[in-house]
Each structure stands twice: as C-alpha cells, then as structure tokens.
C-alpha cells in the first residue's frame, strides 16, 4: 500500500488522482460532473478547456455560478452530439454503476475522446463481502451509502469485473489505480496488494 500525498485542495482523493493524470491545457469532458469540483480544479490548476454534463438542474446552476461550461442533460444521449475525438480526456467518475448500457457509453467515450478515465466503487471490497456474509443484507458502506431500495446504482462492479469487461468490449487499459479512502474520501492510499479485496475504488485510463 503506497501513500500518495496531494495538497489540501478541497476535492476528493479520487478526483485528485484523476486530475494528476490530466495534461495541462487539455480539452476535457466530465460526464456526470456533479458540483463541478473536478472541472473547477482542472480549470484553475491545469488551464484545461473543460465542459461538463450533469442531469440535476440545481447542480448545473452551481457549476455555471462557478464560471464552468456545463450542459444539463442525460449523459447517454448528450454524448451522441459530439464529433469524433473532440476531447483529449472524457471522464466518467463514480457513475458507471448507474448506467443502463455501459458498453455503449464506453464506446461513445472512446469515440469522442482520445482517452477515457473511468472510476467506480469496488463492490468486492472486504467490508462489502463481510457485511453480506455476516449480516445477509445488501451492504452499506461510505462508498456505497444507500439502502437497496433507494440507491441510484443499478449494478455492482468490481475491479476484476472491469478488467474482464475491457477484453470483452474491446478497449485497452492504459493506466489503473486501486485506492482506499478515508475521511469522506478526502484522504486515501494506493493499494497494490490484493486490490480487488482491499480497494474502495478502481480508477482506469482507457483507449480504443
């Protein structure tokens, strides 16, 4: 397990790691950008030309108030309007588990972007396994905080699942990181030993 230190910049650890993979001055599309913290950080720290797509109107308004370029809409349909290779990076952060047709969205990401960056909560983390084994209920963790009846997640994904998915769908994993987070995901560590068991999140940079 390796400790990775970032400056105290107010964004989640996983987003800090994603930001470290982005080249300065790049064109970036953030799918499901939420409150725009990642785009705002990239704009200020790496001078990216950033665009976001977010479904919730209130969050879009907050992004616009920060001076960000964000569209309101469904990411699955909005990506269809962008031309091929319009962006250097297309980011899908902690959203893949909420997507109905992940293979189609991945294809769209790699059509419009030279690189895709995908992250998701690892459902194979030991705490998830232990809760299911000992209690017999759908697990609830800081990374998967919802009850089974009110969760926006429609599928569960593990790090191993995504690695196999890459071979089945036909895209390359260029870079990956397994991380374990604490303090509401503000701090974290890289996991190199048994990542599918010990990591709370998987993060992957992918290409066609």
C-alpha atoms as a PDB file:
ATOM      1  CA  UNK A   1       0.000   0.000   0.000  1.00  0.00           C
ATOM      2  CA  UNK A   2       1.506   3.325  -1.101  1.00  0.00           C
ATOM      3  CA  UNK A   3       0.698   6.693   0.408  1.00  0.00           C
ATOM      4  CA  UNK A   4       0.017   9.401  -2.156  1.00  0.00           C
ATOM      5  CA  UNK A   5       0.014  12.949  -0.848  1.00  0.00           C
ATOM      6  CA  UNK A   6      -1.809  15.831  -2.508  1.00  0.00           C
ATOM      7  CA  UNK A   7      -2.191  19.396  -1.380  1.00  0.00           C
ATOM      8  CA  UNK A   8      -5.278  20.169   0.719  1.00  0.00           C
ATOM      9  CA  UNK A   9      -7.334  21.492  -2.187  1.00  0.00           C
ATOM     10  CA  UNK A  10     -10.850  20.562  -1.097  1.00  0.00           C
ATOM     11  CA  UNK A  11     -11.643  17.855  -3.663  1.00  0.00           C
ATOM     12  CA  UNK A  12     -11.986  14.133  -3.086  1.00  0.00           C
ATOM     13  CA  UNK A  13      -8.898  11.947  -3.163  1.00  0.00           C
ATOM     14  CA  UNK A  14     -10.065  10.003  -6.215  1.00  0.00           C
ATOM     15  CA  UNK A  15     -10.617  13.256  -8.109  1.00  0.00           C
ATOM     16  CA  UNK A  16      -7.150  14.467  -7.120  1.00  0.00           C
ATOM     17  CA  UNK A  17      -5.682  11.285  -8.553  1.00  0.00           C
ATOM     18  CA  UNK A  18      -7.689  11.658 -11.774  1.00  0.00           C
ATOM     19  CA  UNK A  19      -6.538  15.273 -12.048  1.00  0.00           C
ATOM     20  CA  UNK A  20      -2.919  14.132 -11.753  1.00  0.00           C
ATOM     21  CA  UNK A  21      -3.389  12.119 -14.967  1.00  0.00           C
ATOM     22  CA  UNK A  22      -4.645  15.113 -16.998  1.00  0.00           C
ATOM     23  CA  UNK A  23      -2.117  17.003 -19.112  1.00  0.00           C
ATOM     24  CA  UNK A  24      -2.167  20.808 -18.736  1.00  0.00           C
ATOM     25  CA  UNK A  25      -4.097  22.674 -21.418  1.00  0.00           C
ATOM     26  CA  UNK A  26      -6.141  19.625 -22.422  1.00  0.00           C
ATOM     27  CA  UNK A  27      -9.741  19.583 -23.631  1.00  0.00           C
ATOM     28  CA  UNK A  28     -11.788  17.712 -21.022  1.00  0.00           C
ATOM     29  CA  UNK A  29     -15.384  16.486 -20.870  1.00  0.00           C
ATOM     30  CA  UNK A  30     -16.671  15.459 -17.441  1.00  0.00           C
ATOM     31  CA  UNK A  31     -19.753  13.221 -17.648  1.00  0.00           C
ATOM     32  CA  UNK A  32     -21.976  13.496 -14.595  1.00  0.00           C
ATOM     33  CA  UNK A  33     -19.830  16.345 -13.314  1.00  0.00           C
ATOM     34  CA  UNK A  34     -21.952  16.958 -10.204  1.00  0.00           C
ATOM     35  CA  UNK A  35     -20.992  20.142  -8.401  1.00  0.00           C
ATOM     36  CA  UNK A  36     -18.129  20.783 -10.819  1.00  0.00           C
ATOM     37  CA  UNK A  37     -15.315  20.474  -8.279  1.00  0.00           C
ATOM     38  CA  UNK A  38     -13.078  18.483 -10.612  1.00  0.00           C
ATOM     39  CA  UNK A  39     -13.651  20.760 -13.600  1.00  0.00           C
ATOM     40  CA  UNK A  40     -13.084  23.830 -11.450  1.00  0.00           C
ATOM     41  CA  UNK A  41      -9.833  22.379 -10.107  1.00  0.00           C
ATOM     42  CA  UNK A  42      -8.606  21.434 -13.590  1.00  0.00           C
ATOM     43  CA  UNK A  43      -9.510  24.850 -14.947  1.00  0.00           C
ATOM     44  CA  UNK A  44      -7.571  26.672 -12.217  1.00  0.00           C
ATOM     45  CA  UNK A  45      -4.625  24.309 -11.764  1.00  0.00           C
ATOM     46  CA  UNK A  46      -4.113  22.907 -15.267  1.00  0.00           C
ATOM     47  CA  UNK A  47      -5.749  25.507 -17.508  1.00  0.00           C
ATOM     48  CA  UNK A  48      -7.914  22.900 -19.218  1.00  0.00           C
ATOM     49  CA  UNK A  49     -10.703  23.739 -21.612  1.00  0.00           C
ATOM     50  CA  UNK A  50     -13.438  21.953 -19.708  1.00  0.00           C
ATOM     51  CA  UNK A  51     -17.043  21.013 -20.410  1.00  0.00           C
ATOM     52  CA  UNK A  52     -19.427  19.114 -18.175  1.00  0.00           C
ATOM     53  CA  UNK A  53     -22.730  17.297 -18.479  1.00  0.00           C
ATOM     54  CA  UNK A  54     -24.984  16.969 -15.442  1.00  0.00           C
ATOM     55  CA  UNK A  55     -28.587  15.829 -15.092  1.00  0.00           C
ATOM     56  CA  UNK A  56     -29.594  17.712 -11.938  1.00  0.00           C
ATOM     57  CA  UNK A  57     -30.628  21.295 -12.595  1.00  0.00           C
ATOM     58  CA  UNK A  58     -29.515  22.596  -9.205  1.00  0.00           C
ATOM     59  CA  UNK A  59     -26.005  21.236  -9.673  1.00  0.00           C
ATOM     60  CA  UNK A  60     -25.802  22.662 -13.184  1.00  0.00           C
ATOM     61  CA  UNK A  61     -26.738  26.090 -11.817  1.00  0.00           C
ATOM     62  CA  UNK A  62     -23.999  25.776  -9.196  1.00  0.00           C
ATOM     63  CA  UNK A  63     -21.442  24.893 -11.869  1.00  0.00           C
ATOM     64  CA  UNK A  64     -22.438  27.859 -14.022  1.00  0.00           C
ATOM     65  CA  UNK A  65     -22.134  30.120 -10.969  1.00  0.00           C
ATOM     66  CA  UNK A  66     -18.501  28.952 -10.747  1.00  0.00           C
ATOM     67  CA  UNK A  67     -17.930  30.024 -14.328  1.00  0.00           C
ATOM     68  CA  UNK A  68     -17.938  26.491 -15.731  1.00  0.00           C
ATOM     69  CA  UNK A  69     -19.366  25.378 -19.067  1.00  0.00           C
ATOM     70  CA  UNK A  70     -21.897  22.696 -18.139  1.00  0.00           C
ATOM     71  CA  UNK A  71     -24.854  21.282 -20.072  1.00  0.00           C
ATOM     72  CA  UNK A  72     -27.954  19.892 -18.414  1.00  0.00           C
ATOM     73  CA  UNK A  73     -28.983  16.525 -19.802  1.00  0.00           C
ATOM     74  CA  UNK A  74     -28.599  12.775 -19.836  1.00  0.00           C
ATOM     75  CA  UNK A  75     -25.008  11.740 -20.491  1.00  0.00           C
ATOM     76  CA  UNK A  76     -26.080   8.735 -22.573  1.00  0.00           C
ATOM     77  CA  UNK A  77     -27.815  10.925 -25.152  1.00  0.00           C
ATOM     78  CA  UNK A  78     -25.733  14.110 -24.916  1.00  0.00           C
ATOM     79  CA  UNK A  79     -22.510  12.305 -25.871  1.00  0.00           C
ATOM     80  CA  UNK A  80     -24.048  11.394 -29.227  1.00  0.00           C
ATOM     81  CA  UNK A  81     -23.909  15.046 -30.327  1.00  0.00           C
ATOM     82  CA  UNK A  82     -20.139  15.434 -30.016  1.00  0.00           C
ATOM     83  CA  UNK A  83     -17.869  14.820 -33.025  1.00  0.00           C
ATOM     84  CA  UNK A  84     -15.143  12.186 -33.059  1.00  0.00           C
ATOM     85  CA  UNK A  85     -12.042  12.942 -30.959  1.00  0.00           C
ATOM     86  CA  UNK A  86     -13.403  16.269 -29.765  1.00  0.00           C
ATOM     87  CA  UNK A  87     -11.680  15.901 -26.369  1.00  0.00           C
ATOM     88  CA  UNK A  88      -8.328  14.792 -25.035  1.00  0.00           C
ATOM     89  CA  UNK A  89      -9.983  13.221 -21.978  1.00  0.00           C
ATOM     90  CA  UNK A  90     -13.550  12.133 -21.250  1.00  0.00           C
ATOM     91  CA  UNK A  91     -14.107  11.451 -17.542  1.00  0.00           C
ATOM     92  CA  UNK A  92     -16.789   9.205 -16.038  1.00  0.00           C
ATOM     93  CA  UNK A  93     -16.268   9.419 -12.293  1.00  0.00           C
ATOM     94  CA  UNK A  94     -18.278   7.167  -9.943  1.00  0.00           C
ATOM     95  CA  UNK A  95     -21.128   6.954 -12.438  1.00  0.00           C
ATOM     96  CA  UNK A  96     -20.590   3.719 -14.396  1.00  0.00           C
ATOM     97  CA  UNK A  97     -22.593   1.736 -11.819  1.00  0.00           C
ATOM     98  CA  UNK A  98     -25.636   3.919 -12.628  1.00  0.00           C
ATOM     99  CA  UNK A  99     -25.531   3.442 -16.410  1.00  0.00           C
ATOM    100  CA  UNK A 100     -28.048   1.178 -18.168  1.00  0.00           C
ATOM    101  CA  UNK A 101     -25.849   0.311 -21.173  1.00  0.00           C
ATOM    102  CA  UNK A 102     -22.216   0.695 -20.039  1.00  0.00           C
ATOM    103  CA  UNK A 103     -20.712  -0.871 -23.162  1.00  0.00           C
ATOM    104  CA  UNK A 104     -22.422   1.684 -25.420  1.00  0.00           C
ATOM    105  CA  UNK A 105     -21.377   4.573 -23.188  1.00  0.00           C
ATOM    106  CA  UNK A 106     -17.763   3.351 -23.148  1.00  0.00           C
ATOM    107  CA  UNK A 107     -17.799   3.193 -26.950  1.00  0.00           C
ATOM    108  CA  UNK A 108     -19.132   6.766 -27.057  1.00  0.00           C
ATOM    109  CA  UNK A 109     -16.461   7.936 -24.612  1.00  0.00           C
ATOM    110  CA  UNK A 110     -13.698   6.464 -26.766  1.00  0.00           C
ATOM    111  CA  UNK A 111     -15.259   7.813 -29.955  1.00  0.00           C
ATOM    112  CA  UNK A 112     -15.327  11.419 -28.767  1.00  0.00           C
ATOM    113  CA  UNK A 113     -12.187  11.274 -26.610  1.00  0.00           C
ATOM    114  CA  UNK A 114      -8.593  10.272 -27.193  1.00  0.00           C
ATOM    115  CA  UNK A 115      -8.590   8.968 -23.612  1.00  0.00           C
ATOM    116  CA  UNK A 116     -11.298   7.873 -21.223  1.00  0.00           C
ATOM    117  CA  UNK A 117     -10.989   7.905 -17.437  1.00  0.00           C
ATOM    118  CA  UNK A 118     -13.469   5.739 -15.553  1.00  0.00           C
ATOM    119  CA  UNK A 119     -13.811   5.253 -11.804  1.00  0.00           C
ATOM    120  CA  UNK A 120     -16.298   3.349  -9.641  1.00  0.00           C
ATOM    121  CA  UNK A 121     -16.784   1.955  -6.126  1.00  0.00           C
ATOM    122  CA  UNK A 122     -15.309  -1.534  -5.832  1.00  0.00           C
ATOM    123  CA  UNK A 123     -18.126  -3.865  -4.757  1.00  0.00           C
ATOM    124  CA  UNK A 124     -15.586  -6.562  -3.947  1.00  0.00           C
ATOM    125  CA  UNK A 125     -14.021  -4.624  -1.044  1.00  0.00           C
ATOM    126  CA  UNK A 126     -13.620  -6.761   2.075  1.00  0.00           C
ATOM    127  CA  UNK A 127     -16.113  -4.694   4.105  1.00  0.00           C
ATOM    128  CA  UNK A 128     -18.788  -5.282   1.466  1.00  0.00           C
ATOM    129  CA  UNK A 129     -18.050  -9.016   1.458  1.00  0.00           C
ATOM    130  CA  UNK A 130     -18.054  -9.192   5.250  1.00  0.00           C
ATOM    131  CA  UNK A 131     -21.386  -7.390   5.636  1.00  0.00           C
ATOM    132  CA  UNK A 132     -23.042  -9.676   3.116  1.00  0.00           C
ATOM    133  CA  UNK A 133     -21.530 -12.780   4.702  1.00  0.00           C
ATOM    134  CA  UNK A 134     -22.244 -11.982   8.358  1.00  0.00           C
ATOM    135  CA  UNK A 135     -25.462  -9.952   8.176  1.00  0.00           C
ATOM    136  CA  UNK A 136     -27.067 -11.207   4.983  1.00  0.00           C
ATOM    137  CA  UNK A 137     -28.255  -7.741   3.969  1.00  0.00           C
ATOM    138  CA  UNK A 138     -27.341  -5.600   0.979  1.00  0.00           C
ATOM    139  CA  UNK A 139     -24.112  -3.873   2.105  1.00  0.00           C
ATOM    140  CA  UNK A 140     -23.976  -0.209   3.100  1.00  0.00           C
ATOM    141  CA  UNK A 141     -20.546   1.462   3.235  1.00  0.00           C
ATOM    142  CA  UNK A 142     -19.199   5.025   2.981  1.00  0.00           C
ATOM    143  CA  UNK A 143     -18.609   4.391  -0.732  1.00  0.00           C
ATOM    144  CA  UNK A 144     -21.977   2.628  -1.226  1.00  0.00           C
ATOM    145  CA  UNK A 145     -24.089   4.600   1.271  1.00  0.00           C
ATOM    146  CA  UNK A 146     -27.578   3.737   0.018  1.00  0.00           C
ATOM    147  CA  UNK A 147     -30.112   1.145   1.065  1.00  0.00           C
ATOM    148  CA  UNK A 148     -31.109  -1.336  -1.639  1.00  0.00           C
ATOM    149  CA  UNK A 149     -34.466   0.428  -2.153  1.00  0.00           C
ATOM    150  CA  UNK A 150     -33.218   3.996  -2.644  1.00  0.00           C
ATOM    151  CA  UNK A 151     -29.874   3.516  -4.391  1.00  0.00           C
ATOM    152  CA  UNK A 152     -29.194   5.147  -7.768  1.00  0.00           C
ATOM    153  CA  UNK A 153     -26.835   2.249  -8.521  1.00  0.00           C
ATOM    154  CA  UNK A 154     -28.379  -0.302 -10.861  1.00  0.00           C
ATOM    155  CA  UNK A 155     -25.413  -2.685 -10.995  1.00  0.00           C
ATOM    156  CA  UNK A 156     -22.407  -3.739  -8.938  1.00  0.00           C
ATOM    157  CA  UNK A 157     -18.879  -3.640 -10.336  1.00  0.00           C
ATOM    158  CA  UNK A 158     -15.560  -4.967  -9.082  1.00  0.00           C
ATOM    159  CA  UNK A 159     -12.066  -4.169 -10.267  1.00  0.00           C
ATOM    160  CA  UNK A 160     -11.764  -7.649 -11.745  1.00  0.00           C
ATOM    161  CA  UNK A 161     -15.112  -7.218 -13.496  1.00  0.00           C
ATOM    162  CA  UNK A 162     -13.902  -4.083 -15.263  1.00  0.00           C
ATOM    163  CA  UNK A 163     -10.637  -5.696 -16.331  1.00  0.00           C
ATOM    164  CA  UNK A 164     -12.574  -8.581 -17.876  1.00  0.00           C
ATOM    165  CA  UNK A 165     -15.093  -6.118 -19.354  1.00  0.00           C
ATOM    166  CA  UNK A 166     -12.250  -4.367 -21.198  1.00  0.00           C
ATOM    167  CA  UNK A 167     -11.385  -7.593 -23.017  1.00  0.00           C
ATOM    168  CA  UNK A 168     -14.995  -8.426 -23.816  1.00  0.00           C
ATOM    169  CA  UNK A 169     -15.891  -4.956 -25.126  1.00  0.00           C
ATOM    170  CA  UNK A 170     -12.531  -4.383 -26.777  1.00  0.00           C
ATOM    171  CA  UNK A 171     -10.684  -1.424 -25.274  1.00  0.00           C
ATOM    172  CA  UNK A 172      -7.239  -1.023 -23.750  1.00  0.00           C
ATOM    173  CA  UNK A 173      -6.447  -0.179 -20.136  1.00  0.00           C
ATOM    174  CA  UNK A 174      -3.531   2.272 -20.328  1.00  0.00           C
ATOM    175  CA  UNK A 175      -3.226   3.077 -16.644  1.00  0.00           C
ATOM    176  CA  UNK A 176      -5.015   1.987 -13.492  1.00  0.00           C
ATOM    177  CA  UNK A 177      -5.069   2.723  -9.789  1.00  0.00           C
ATOM    178  CA  UNK A 178      -6.766   0.998  -6.891  1.00  0.00           C
ATOM    179  CA  UNK A 179      -7.283   3.247  -3.892  1.00  0.00           C
ATOM    180  CA  UNK A 180      -8.550   3.082  -0.337  1.00  0.00           C
ATOM    181  CA  UNK A 181     -10.122   6.255   1.014  1.00  0.00           C
ATOM    182  CA  UNK A 182     -10.878   7.743   4.427  1.00  0.00           C
ATOM    183  CA  UNK A 183     -12.422  10.893   5.912  1.00  0.00           C
ATOM    184  CA  UNK A 184     -15.354  11.105   3.476  1.00  0.00           C
ATOM    185  CA  UNK A 185     -12.975  10.202   0.629  1.00  0.00           C
ATOM    186  CA  UNK A 186     -10.798  13.300   1.220  1.00  0.00           C
ATOM    187  CA  UNK A 187      -7.688  11.230   2.023  1.00  0.00           C
ATOM    188  CA  UNK A 188      -6.511   7.981   0.549  1.00  0.00           C
ATOM    189  CA  UNK A 189      -3.804   5.469  -0.291  1.00  0.00           C
ATOM    190  CA  UNK A 190      -2.854   3.441  -3.337  1.00  0.00           C
ATOM    191  CA  UNK A 191      -3.486  -0.274  -2.971  1.00  0.00           C
ATOM    192  CA  UNK A 192      -1.038  -2.529  -4.800  1.00  0.00           C
ATOM    193  CA  UNK A 193      -1.536  -5.824  -2.948  1.00  0.00           C
ATOM    194  CA  UNK A 194      -4.865  -7.660  -3.452  1.00  0.00           C
ATOM    195  CA  UNK A 195      -6.590  -4.555  -4.860  1.00  0.00           C
ATOM    196  CA  UNK A 196      -9.865  -6.342  -5.653  1.00  0.00           C
ATOM    197  CA  UNK A 197     -10.185  -7.184  -1.962  1.00  0.00           C
ATOM    198  CA  UNK A 198      -8.678  -4.100  -0.322  1.00  0.00           C
ATOM    199  CA  UNK A 199      -9.502  -1.102  -2.531  1.00  0.00           C
ATOM    200  CA  UNK A 200     -12.620   1.018  -2.133  1.00  0.00           C
ATOM    201  CA  UNK A 201     -12.355   2.448  -5.684  1.00  0.00           C
ATOM    202  CA  UNK A 202     -10.904   1.478  -9.032  1.00  0.00           C
ATOM    203  CA  UNK A 203      -9.724   4.140 -11.489  1.00  0.00           C
ATOM    204  CA  UNK A 204      -8.804   3.342 -15.104  1.00  0.00           C
ATOM    205  CA  UNK A 205      -7.468   5.301 -18.065  1.00  0.00           C
ATOM    206  CA  UNK A 206      -8.654   3.629 -21.274  1.00  0.00           C
ATOM    207  CA  UNK A 207      -8.226   3.949 -25.057  1.00  0.00           C
ATOM    208  CA  UNK A 208      -9.542   2.253 -28.165  1.00  0.00           C
END
